[in-house]
Amino acid sequence: MKGISIINHGRGSLGLRYFGLGPYMIPSRGLKKLGNLLNKETFWASKRNEKCLKIMLANSTEVISIWRKGEIIGFGRATSDKIYRAVLWDIVVANKFQGHGIGRIIVEGLLKKPSLKSVERIYLMTTNCLNFYENLNFKQVQSQSLLLYKNYI
């Protein structure tokens, strides 16, 4: 897709986290725009406040954002021990840009990162996009179960 900027944020996403930097290191209220993207396009990551987004970014191993005309239209992140396990998190593309390869750019970009490239197993969870991830060579695994512990604070 033409006219997009792909940002491979450094560990902890300092520019996005502290200064709201977007493409070309220009202050773009990026953290607020990320919150808006998550609120608008997801049910599982909506209502995250800026304080919590900062903590999330600080503790992510890899972060990629996709921008077009000053707006964030895609986002994804990963956490990893860099050898055995990694998890892809919060892969999201604005609805009007879905089907244009943005999600593929995010996922493949994360998988090519040195911190994930040699990892034994890379996990992700999805509710509605199973076919999308299977097209990117992820396999549904029957030999493991997803367990969830919810901390009710």
N, C-alpha and C. Protein backbone atom coordinates (compact mmCIF):
# COMPACT_ATOMS: atom_id res chain seq x y z
N MET A 1 0.84 -1.18 0.00
CA MET A 1 0.00 0.00 0.00
C MET A 1 0.89 1.24 0.00
N LYS A 2 0.58 2.17 -0.85
CA LYS A 2 1.38 3.39 -0.98
C LYS A 2 1.05 4.38 0.13
N GLY A 3 2.04 5.18 0.44
CA GLY A 3 1.83 6.27 1.38
C GLY A 3 1.82 5.87 2.83
N ILE A 4 2.35 4.69 3.16
CA ILE A 4 2.39 4.30 4.56
C ILE A 4 3.82 4.41 5.09
N SER A 5 3.93 4.61 6.38
CA SER A 5 5.21 4.63 7.07
C SER A 5 5.19 3.50 8.09
N ILE A 6 6.24 2.70 8.07
CA ILE A 6 6.38 1.60 9.01
C ILE A 6 7.42 2.01 10.03
N ILE A 7 7.04 2.00 11.30
CA ILE A 7 7.98 2.36 12.36
C ILE A 7 8.30 1.11 13.17
N ASN A 8 9.57 0.75 13.18
CA ASN A 8 10.08 -0.31 14.03
C ASN A 8 10.63 0.38 15.27
N HIS A 9 9.82 0.44 16.29
CA HIS A 9 10.19 1.15 17.51
C HIS A 9 11.32 0.42 18.23
N GLY A 10 12.16 1.16 18.87
CA GLY A 10 13.20 0.56 19.70
C GLY A 10 12.58 -0.08 20.93
N ARG A 11 13.36 -0.90 21.61
CA ARG A 11 12.86 -1.58 22.81
C ARG A 11 12.27 -0.55 23.78
N GLY A 12 11.07 -0.82 24.19
CA GLY A 12 10.39 0.07 25.12
C GLY A 12 9.71 1.26 24.46
N SER A 13 9.91 1.43 23.16
CA SER A 13 9.22 2.47 22.38
C SER A 13 9.31 3.85 23.02
N LEU A 14 10.52 4.27 23.34
CA LEU A 14 10.70 5.53 24.06
C LEU A 14 10.07 6.72 23.35
N GLY A 15 10.28 6.84 22.04
CA GLY A 15 9.75 7.98 21.30
C GLY A 15 8.24 8.03 21.32
N LEU A 16 7.61 6.90 21.11
CA LEU A 16 6.15 6.84 21.14
C LEU A 16 5.64 7.03 22.56
N ARG A 17 6.30 6.40 23.48
CA ARG A 17 5.84 6.39 24.88
C ARG A 17 5.94 7.77 25.53
N TYR A 18 7.07 8.45 25.36
CA TYR A 18 7.28 9.71 26.07
C TYR A 18 6.94 10.95 25.25
N PHE A 19 7.13 10.88 23.94
CA PHE A 19 6.98 12.08 23.12
C PHE A 19 5.88 11.98 22.08
N GLY A 20 5.23 10.82 21.98
CA GLY A 20 4.15 10.65 21.02
C GLY A 20 4.62 10.74 19.59
N LEU A 21 5.89 10.32 19.35
CA LEU A 21 6.45 10.46 18.02
C LEU A 21 5.80 9.52 17.01
N GLY A 22 5.60 10.05 15.82
CA GLY A 22 5.09 9.27 14.70
C GLY A 22 6.18 9.16 13.64
N PRO A 23 5.79 9.10 12.38
CA PRO A 23 6.76 8.98 11.29
C PRO A 23 7.74 10.16 11.28
N TYR A 24 8.97 9.86 10.92
CA TYR A 24 10.04 10.85 10.77
C TYR A 24 10.34 11.57 12.08
N MET A 25 10.05 10.90 13.21
CA MET A 25 10.33 11.43 14.54
C MET A 25 9.59 12.74 14.81
N ILE A 26 8.44 12.89 14.20
CA ILE A 26 7.62 14.09 14.38
C ILE A 26 6.62 13.85 15.50
N PRO A 27 6.54 14.75 16.49
CA PRO A 27 5.51 14.60 17.52
C PRO A 27 4.12 14.56 16.87
N SER A 28 3.39 13.50 17.14
CA SER A 28 2.11 13.26 16.47
C SER A 28 1.02 12.83 17.43
N ARG A 29 1.24 13.03 18.73
CA ARG A 29 0.27 12.55 19.72
C ARG A 29 0.03 11.05 19.54
N GLY A 30 1.13 10.36 19.27
CA GLY A 30 1.07 8.94 18.93
C GLY A 30 0.46 8.06 19.98
N LEU A 31 0.75 8.33 21.26
CA LEU A 31 0.21 7.50 22.32
C LEU A 31 -1.32 7.64 22.38
N LYS A 32 -1.79 8.85 22.25
CA LYS A 32 -3.24 9.08 22.22
C LYS A 32 -3.87 8.41 20.99
N LYS A 33 -3.20 8.51 19.85
CA LYS A 33 -3.72 7.90 18.63
C LYS A 33 -3.71 6.37 18.73
N LEU A 34 -2.70 5.81 19.40
CA LEU A 34 -2.69 4.37 19.62
C LEU A 34 -3.88 3.96 20.48
N GLY A 35 -4.12 4.69 21.55
CA GLY A 35 -5.28 4.41 22.40
C GLY A 35 -6.58 4.48 21.61
N ASN A 36 -6.69 5.47 20.75
CA ASN A 36 -7.90 5.61 19.92
C ASN A 36 -8.06 4.43 18.97
N LEU A 37 -6.95 3.99 18.34
CA LEU A 37 -7.00 2.83 17.44
C LEU A 37 -7.49 1.59 18.19
N LEU A 38 -6.91 1.34 19.35
CA LEU A 38 -7.30 0.17 20.13
C LEU A 38 -8.75 0.27 20.59
N ASN A 39 -9.18 1.46 21.00
CA ASN A 39 -10.57 1.64 21.44
C ASN A 39 -11.56 1.42 20.31
N LYS A 40 -11.23 1.94 19.14
CA LYS A 40 -12.16 1.88 18.02
C LYS A 40 -12.20 0.50 17.36
N GLU A 41 -11.06 -0.15 17.26
CA GLU A 41 -10.96 -1.35 16.43
C GLU A 41 -10.94 -2.68 17.17
N THR A 42 -10.92 -2.65 18.51
CA THR A 42 -10.85 -3.91 19.25
C THR A 42 -11.85 -3.93 20.39
N PHE A 43 -12.22 -5.13 20.81
CA PHE A 43 -12.99 -5.28 22.04
C PHE A 43 -12.07 -5.68 23.18
N TRP A 44 -10.95 -6.30 22.84
CA TRP A 44 -10.05 -6.85 23.85
C TRP A 44 -9.01 -5.86 24.33
N ALA A 45 -8.82 -4.76 23.64
CA ALA A 45 -7.81 -3.78 24.06
C ALA A 45 -8.41 -2.38 24.19
N SER A 46 -9.72 -2.32 24.25
CA SER A 46 -10.35 -1.01 24.39
C SER A 46 -10.27 -0.57 25.85
N LYS A 47 -10.40 0.69 26.04
CA LYS A 47 -10.41 1.29 27.38
C LYS A 47 -9.07 1.21 28.10
N ARG A 48 -7.99 1.05 27.37
CA ARG A 48 -6.66 1.12 27.98
C ARG A 48 -6.29 2.59 28.09
N ASN A 49 -5.90 3.02 29.26
CA ASN A 49 -5.54 4.43 29.43
C ASN A 49 -4.08 4.65 29.08
N GLU A 50 -3.69 5.91 28.93
CA GLU A 50 -2.33 6.23 28.50
C GLU A 50 -1.28 5.75 29.49
N LYS A 51 -1.56 5.81 30.76
CA LYS A 51 -0.61 5.33 31.77
C LYS A 51 -0.32 3.84 31.55
N CYS A 52 -1.38 3.06 31.34
CA CYS A 52 -1.20 1.61 31.13
C CYS A 52 -0.56 1.32 29.77
N LEU A 53 -0.88 2.12 28.75
CA LEU A 53 -0.22 1.94 27.45
C LEU A 53 1.27 2.16 27.57
N LYS A 54 1.68 3.14 28.36
CA LYS A 54 3.11 3.40 28.56
C LYS A 54 3.79 2.20 29.21
N ILE A 55 3.15 1.61 30.19
CA ILE A 55 3.72 0.43 30.86
C ILE A 55 3.81 -0.73 29.87
N MET A 56 2.74 -0.92 29.08
CA MET A 56 2.71 -1.98 28.08
C MET A 56 3.87 -1.84 27.10
N LEU A 57 4.04 -0.62 26.57
CA LEU A 57 5.12 -0.38 25.60
C LEU A 57 6.49 -0.57 26.24
N ALA A 58 6.66 -0.10 27.46
CA ALA A 58 7.95 -0.22 28.14
C ALA A 58 8.38 -1.67 28.31
N ASN A 59 7.41 -2.55 28.44
CA ASN A 59 7.71 -3.96 28.70
C ASN A 59 7.58 -4.86 27.47
N SER A 60 7.42 -4.26 26.32
CA SER A 60 7.36 -5.02 25.08
C SER A 60 8.76 -5.17 24.49
N THR A 61 9.06 -6.34 23.98
CA THR A 61 10.35 -6.59 23.37
C THR A 61 10.45 -5.91 22.01
N GLU A 62 9.36 -6.01 21.23
CA GLU A 62 9.31 -5.42 19.89
C GLU A 62 7.97 -4.72 19.70
N VAL A 63 8.01 -3.60 18.98
CA VAL A 63 6.79 -2.86 18.67
C VAL A 63 6.90 -2.33 17.25
N ILE A 64 5.82 -2.49 16.50
CA ILE A 64 5.74 -1.95 15.14
C ILE A 64 4.44 -1.15 15.04
N SER A 65 4.52 0.03 14.44
CA SER A 65 3.31 0.77 14.13
C SER A 65 3.34 1.17 12.66
N ILE A 66 2.16 1.27 12.08
CA ILE A 66 2.00 1.64 10.68
C ILE A 66 1.18 2.93 10.64
N TRP A 67 1.67 3.89 9.87
CA TRP A 67 1.04 5.21 9.81
C TRP A 67 0.69 5.57 8.38
N ARG A 68 -0.35 6.36 8.23
CA ARG A 68 -0.71 6.92 6.93
C ARG A 68 -1.31 8.30 7.17
N LYS A 69 -0.72 9.29 6.53
CA LYS A 69 -1.18 10.68 6.64
C LYS A 69 -1.35 11.12 8.08
N GLY A 70 -0.36 10.83 8.91
CA GLY A 70 -0.37 11.28 10.29
C GLY A 70 -1.25 10.50 11.24
N GLU A 71 -1.87 9.43 10.75
CA GLU A 71 -2.73 8.60 11.60
C GLU A 71 -2.15 7.20 11.71
N ILE A 72 -2.23 6.64 12.90
CA ILE A 72 -1.79 5.26 13.10
C ILE A 72 -2.91 4.34 12.60
N ILE A 73 -2.56 3.46 11.67
CA ILE A 73 -3.56 2.57 11.08
C ILE A 73 -3.29 1.10 11.39
N GLY A 74 -2.14 0.82 12.01
CA GLY A 74 -1.81 -0.56 12.37
C GLY A 74 -0.82 -0.59 13.51
N PHE A 75 -0.87 -1.68 14.27
CA PHE A 75 -0.01 -1.79 15.44
C PHE A 75 0.16 -3.26 15.79
N GLY A 76 1.30 -3.61 16.32
CA GLY A 76 1.54 -4.94 16.85
C GLY A 76 2.77 -4.93 17.75
N ARG A 77 2.82 -5.88 18.65
CA ARG A 77 3.96 -5.96 19.56
C ARG A 77 4.23 -7.41 19.93
N ALA A 78 5.38 -7.63 20.53
CA ALA A 78 5.77 -8.97 20.97
C ALA A 78 6.55 -8.87 22.27
N THR A 79 6.45 -9.94 23.05
CA THR A 79 7.32 -10.13 24.21
C THR A 79 8.06 -11.43 23.99
N SER A 80 9.30 -11.49 24.48
CA SER A 80 10.10 -12.68 24.21
C SER A 80 11.24 -12.83 25.21
N ASP A 81 11.62 -14.09 25.48
CA ASP A 81 12.85 -14.36 26.21
C ASP A 81 14.02 -14.51 25.24
N LYS A 82 13.75 -14.38 23.96
CA LYS A 82 14.71 -14.36 22.86
C LYS A 82 15.35 -15.70 22.53
N ILE A 83 14.86 -16.78 23.13
CA ILE A 83 15.39 -18.09 22.80
C ILE A 83 14.32 -19.18 22.77
N TYR A 84 13.48 -19.24 23.77
CA TYR A 84 12.50 -20.33 23.84
C TYR A 84 11.08 -19.92 23.47
N ARG A 85 10.63 -18.80 24.02
CA ARG A 85 9.23 -18.43 23.83
C ARG A 85 9.08 -16.95 23.51
N ALA A 86 8.05 -16.70 22.70
CA ALA A 86 7.64 -15.33 22.40
C ALA A 86 6.13 -15.36 22.18
N VAL A 87 5.52 -14.21 22.36
CA VAL A 87 4.09 -14.07 22.13
C VAL A 87 3.86 -12.79 21.34
N LEU A 88 3.05 -12.89 20.30
CA LEU A 88 2.61 -11.71 19.57
C LEU A 88 1.34 -11.21 20.25
N TRP A 89 1.29 -9.90 20.42
CA TRP A 89 0.17 -9.27 21.13
C TRP A 89 -0.39 -8.10 20.32
N ASP A 90 -1.65 -7.84 20.52
CA ASP A 90 -2.28 -6.59 20.08
C ASP A 90 -2.08 -6.28 18.61
N ILE A 91 -2.18 -7.28 17.76
CA ILE A 91 -2.10 -7.04 16.32
C ILE A 91 -3.44 -6.43 15.90
N VAL A 92 -3.39 -5.20 15.42
CA VAL A 92 -4.63 -4.52 15.06
C VAL A 92 -4.41 -3.64 13.83
N VAL A 93 -5.38 -3.65 12.94
CA VAL A 93 -5.36 -2.82 11.74
C VAL A 93 -6.72 -2.11 11.68
N ALA A 94 -6.68 -0.81 11.41
CA ALA A 94 -7.92 -0.06 11.26
C ALA A 94 -8.80 -0.74 10.22
N ASN A 95 -10.06 -0.83 10.52
CA ASN A 95 -11.01 -1.57 9.69
C ASN A 95 -10.94 -1.17 8.21
N LYS A 96 -10.88 0.12 7.93
CA LYS A 96 -10.89 0.54 6.52
C LYS A 96 -9.61 0.21 5.78
N PHE A 97 -8.57 -0.25 6.49
CA PHE A 97 -7.32 -0.64 5.85
C PHE A 97 -7.09 -2.14 5.87
N GLN A 98 -8.03 -2.89 6.41
CA GLN A 98 -7.91 -4.34 6.40
C GLN A 98 -8.04 -4.85 4.97
N GLY A 99 -7.30 -5.90 4.67
CA GLY A 99 -7.33 -6.47 3.33
C GLY A 99 -6.32 -5.83 2.38
N HIS A 100 -5.46 -4.94 2.91
CA HIS A 100 -4.45 -4.27 2.10
C HIS A 100 -3.02 -4.70 2.45
N GLY A 101 -2.88 -5.75 3.25
CA GLY A 101 -1.56 -6.26 3.58
C GLY A 101 -0.91 -5.64 4.81
N ILE A 102 -1.61 -4.76 5.51
CA ILE A 102 -1.04 -4.09 6.68
C ILE A 102 -0.78 -5.10 7.80
N GLY A 103 -1.74 -5.97 8.07
CA GLY A 103 -1.55 -6.99 9.11
C GLY A 103 -0.38 -7.89 8.79
N ARG A 104 -0.25 -8.28 7.55
CA ARG A 104 0.89 -9.11 7.12
C ARG A 104 2.21 -8.38 7.37
N ILE A 105 2.27 -7.10 7.05
CA ILE A 105 3.49 -6.32 7.28
C ILE A 105 3.86 -6.34 8.76
N ILE A 106 2.86 -6.17 9.62
CA ILE A 106 3.11 -6.14 11.06
C ILE A 106 3.62 -7.49 11.54
N VAL A 107 2.89 -8.56 11.22
CA VAL A 107 3.27 -9.90 11.72
C VAL A 107 4.62 -10.32 11.16
N GLU A 108 4.82 -10.20 9.86
CA GLU A 108 6.10 -10.60 9.28
C GLU A 108 7.24 -9.72 9.79
N GLY A 109 6.97 -8.45 10.02
CA GLY A 109 7.98 -7.57 10.57
C GLY A 109 8.41 -7.99 11.97
N LEU A 110 7.44 -8.37 12.79
CA LEU A 110 7.77 -8.85 14.13
C LEU A 110 8.55 -10.15 14.07
N LEU A 111 8.12 -11.07 13.22
CA LEU A 111 8.78 -12.38 13.13
C LEU A 111 10.22 -12.29 12.63
N LYS A 112 10.55 -11.24 11.89
CA LYS A 112 11.91 -11.06 11.36
C LYS A 112 12.85 -10.38 12.34
N LYS A 113 12.33 -9.87 13.42
CA LYS A 113 13.17 -9.19 14.40
C LYS A 113 14.19 -10.17 14.99
N PRO A 114 15.42 -9.73 15.19
CA PRO A 114 16.44 -10.62 15.76
C PRO A 114 16.02 -11.25 17.09
N SER A 115 15.27 -10.53 17.89
CA SER A 115 14.86 -11.06 19.20
C SER A 115 13.81 -12.17 19.09
N LEU A 116 13.20 -12.32 17.91
CA LEU A 116 12.21 -13.38 17.71
C LEU A 116 12.64 -14.41 16.69
N LYS A 117 13.59 -14.05 15.86
CA LYS A 117 13.95 -14.87 14.70
C LYS A 117 14.36 -16.30 15.07
N SER A 118 15.04 -16.48 16.17
CA SER A 118 15.53 -17.80 16.56
C SER A 118 14.74 -18.44 17.69
N VAL A 119 13.62 -17.86 18.05
CA VAL A 119 12.82 -18.38 19.16
C VAL A 119 12.19 -19.72 18.76
N GLU A 120 12.22 -20.64 19.70
CA GLU A 120 11.71 -21.99 19.46
C GLU A 120 10.21 -22.01 19.15
N ARG A 121 9.41 -21.27 19.93
CA ARG A 121 7.96 -21.23 19.72
C ARG A 121 7.44 -19.82 19.88
N ILE A 122 6.60 -19.43 18.92
CA ILE A 122 5.97 -18.11 18.97
C ILE A 122 4.47 -18.33 19.03
N TYR A 123 3.88 -17.80 20.07
CA TYR A 123 2.46 -17.97 20.32
C TYR A 123 1.68 -16.71 19.96
N LEU A 124 0.39 -16.90 19.72
CA LEU A 124 -0.53 -15.78 19.65
C LEU A 124 -1.92 -16.32 19.93
N MET A 125 -2.80 -15.44 20.32
CA MET A 125 -4.19 -15.79 20.56
C MET A 125 -5.05 -14.94 19.65
N THR A 126 -6.11 -15.53 19.13
CA THR A 126 -7.03 -14.78 18.29
C THR A 126 -8.45 -15.26 18.52
N THR A 127 -9.36 -14.35 18.35
CA THR A 127 -10.78 -14.68 18.49
C THR A 127 -11.45 -14.75 17.13
N ASN A 128 -11.13 -13.81 16.26
CA ASN A 128 -11.85 -13.69 14.99
C ASN A 128 -11.00 -13.83 13.74
N CYS A 129 -9.71 -14.01 13.87
CA CYS A 129 -8.82 -13.94 12.70
C CYS A 129 -8.02 -15.20 12.46
N LEU A 130 -8.56 -16.35 12.80
CA LEU A 130 -7.84 -17.61 12.66
C LEU A 130 -7.33 -17.82 11.24
N ASN A 131 -8.16 -17.61 10.24
CA ASN A 131 -7.74 -17.82 8.84
C ASN A 131 -6.59 -16.91 8.45
N PHE A 132 -6.62 -15.66 8.92
CA PHE A 132 -5.55 -14.72 8.62
C PHE A 132 -4.22 -15.28 9.11
N TYR A 133 -4.17 -15.74 10.34
CA TYR A 133 -2.92 -16.24 10.90
C TYR A 133 -2.52 -17.58 10.28
N GLU A 134 -3.47 -18.42 9.96
CA GLU A 134 -3.13 -19.68 9.29
C GLU A 134 -2.50 -19.40 7.92
N ASN A 135 -2.94 -18.35 7.25
CA ASN A 135 -2.33 -17.96 5.97
C ASN A 135 -0.90 -17.45 6.14
N LEU A 136 -0.53 -17.12 7.37
CA LEU A 136 0.84 -16.69 7.67
C LEU A 136 1.64 -17.82 8.32
N ASN A 137 1.16 -19.05 8.16
CA ASN A 137 1.83 -20.27 8.61
C ASN A 137 1.75 -20.55 10.12
N PHE A 138 0.85 -19.89 10.81
CA PHE A 138 0.58 -20.28 12.19
C PHE A 138 -0.36 -21.47 12.15
N LYS A 139 -0.19 -22.37 13.09
CA LYS A 139 -0.99 -23.59 13.14
C LYS A 139 -1.78 -23.63 14.44
N GLN A 140 -3.02 -24.09 14.32
CA GLN A 140 -3.82 -24.32 15.50
C GLN A 140 -3.28 -25.56 16.20
N VAL A 141 -3.11 -25.49 17.49
CA VAL A 141 -2.51 -26.59 18.25
C VAL A 141 -3.56 -27.20 19.16
N GLN A 142 -3.76 -28.50 19.00
CA GLN A 142 -4.73 -29.21 19.83
C GLN A 142 -4.08 -29.79 21.09
N SER A 143 -2.74 -29.89 21.07
CA SER A 143 -2.05 -30.54 22.18
C SER A 143 -1.85 -29.62 23.38
N GLN A 144 -2.25 -28.36 23.26
CA GLN A 144 -2.12 -27.43 24.38
C GLN A 144 -3.47 -26.77 24.62
N SER A 145 -3.67 -26.33 25.83
CA SER A 145 -4.90 -25.64 26.18
C SER A 145 -4.56 -24.23 26.63
N LEU A 146 -5.40 -23.29 26.27
CA LEU A 146 -5.26 -21.94 26.76
C LEU A 146 -5.93 -21.87 28.13
N LEU A 147 -5.18 -21.46 29.11
CA LEU A 147 -5.70 -21.27 30.44
C LEU A 147 -5.57 -19.81 30.78
N LEU A 148 -6.51 -19.30 31.53
CA LEU A 148 -6.53 -17.87 31.86
C LEU A 148 -6.71 -17.70 33.34
N TYR A 149 -5.85 -16.94 33.92
CA TYR A 149 -5.98 -16.54 35.31
C TYR A 149 -6.27 -15.05 35.31
N LYS A 150 -7.41 -14.67 35.79
CA LYS A 150 -7.76 -13.26 35.82
C LYS A 150 -7.53 -12.74 37.22
N ASN A 151 -6.72 -11.72 37.29
CA ASN A 151 -6.43 -11.07 38.55
C ASN A 151 -7.49 -10.00 38.79
N TYR A 152 -8.37 -10.23 39.71
CA TYR A 152 -9.47 -9.30 39.97
C TYR A 152 -9.03 -8.27 41.01
N ILE A 153 -8.44 -7.21 40.52
CA ILE A 153 -7.96 -6.15 41.42
C ILE A 153 -9.02 -5.08 41.53
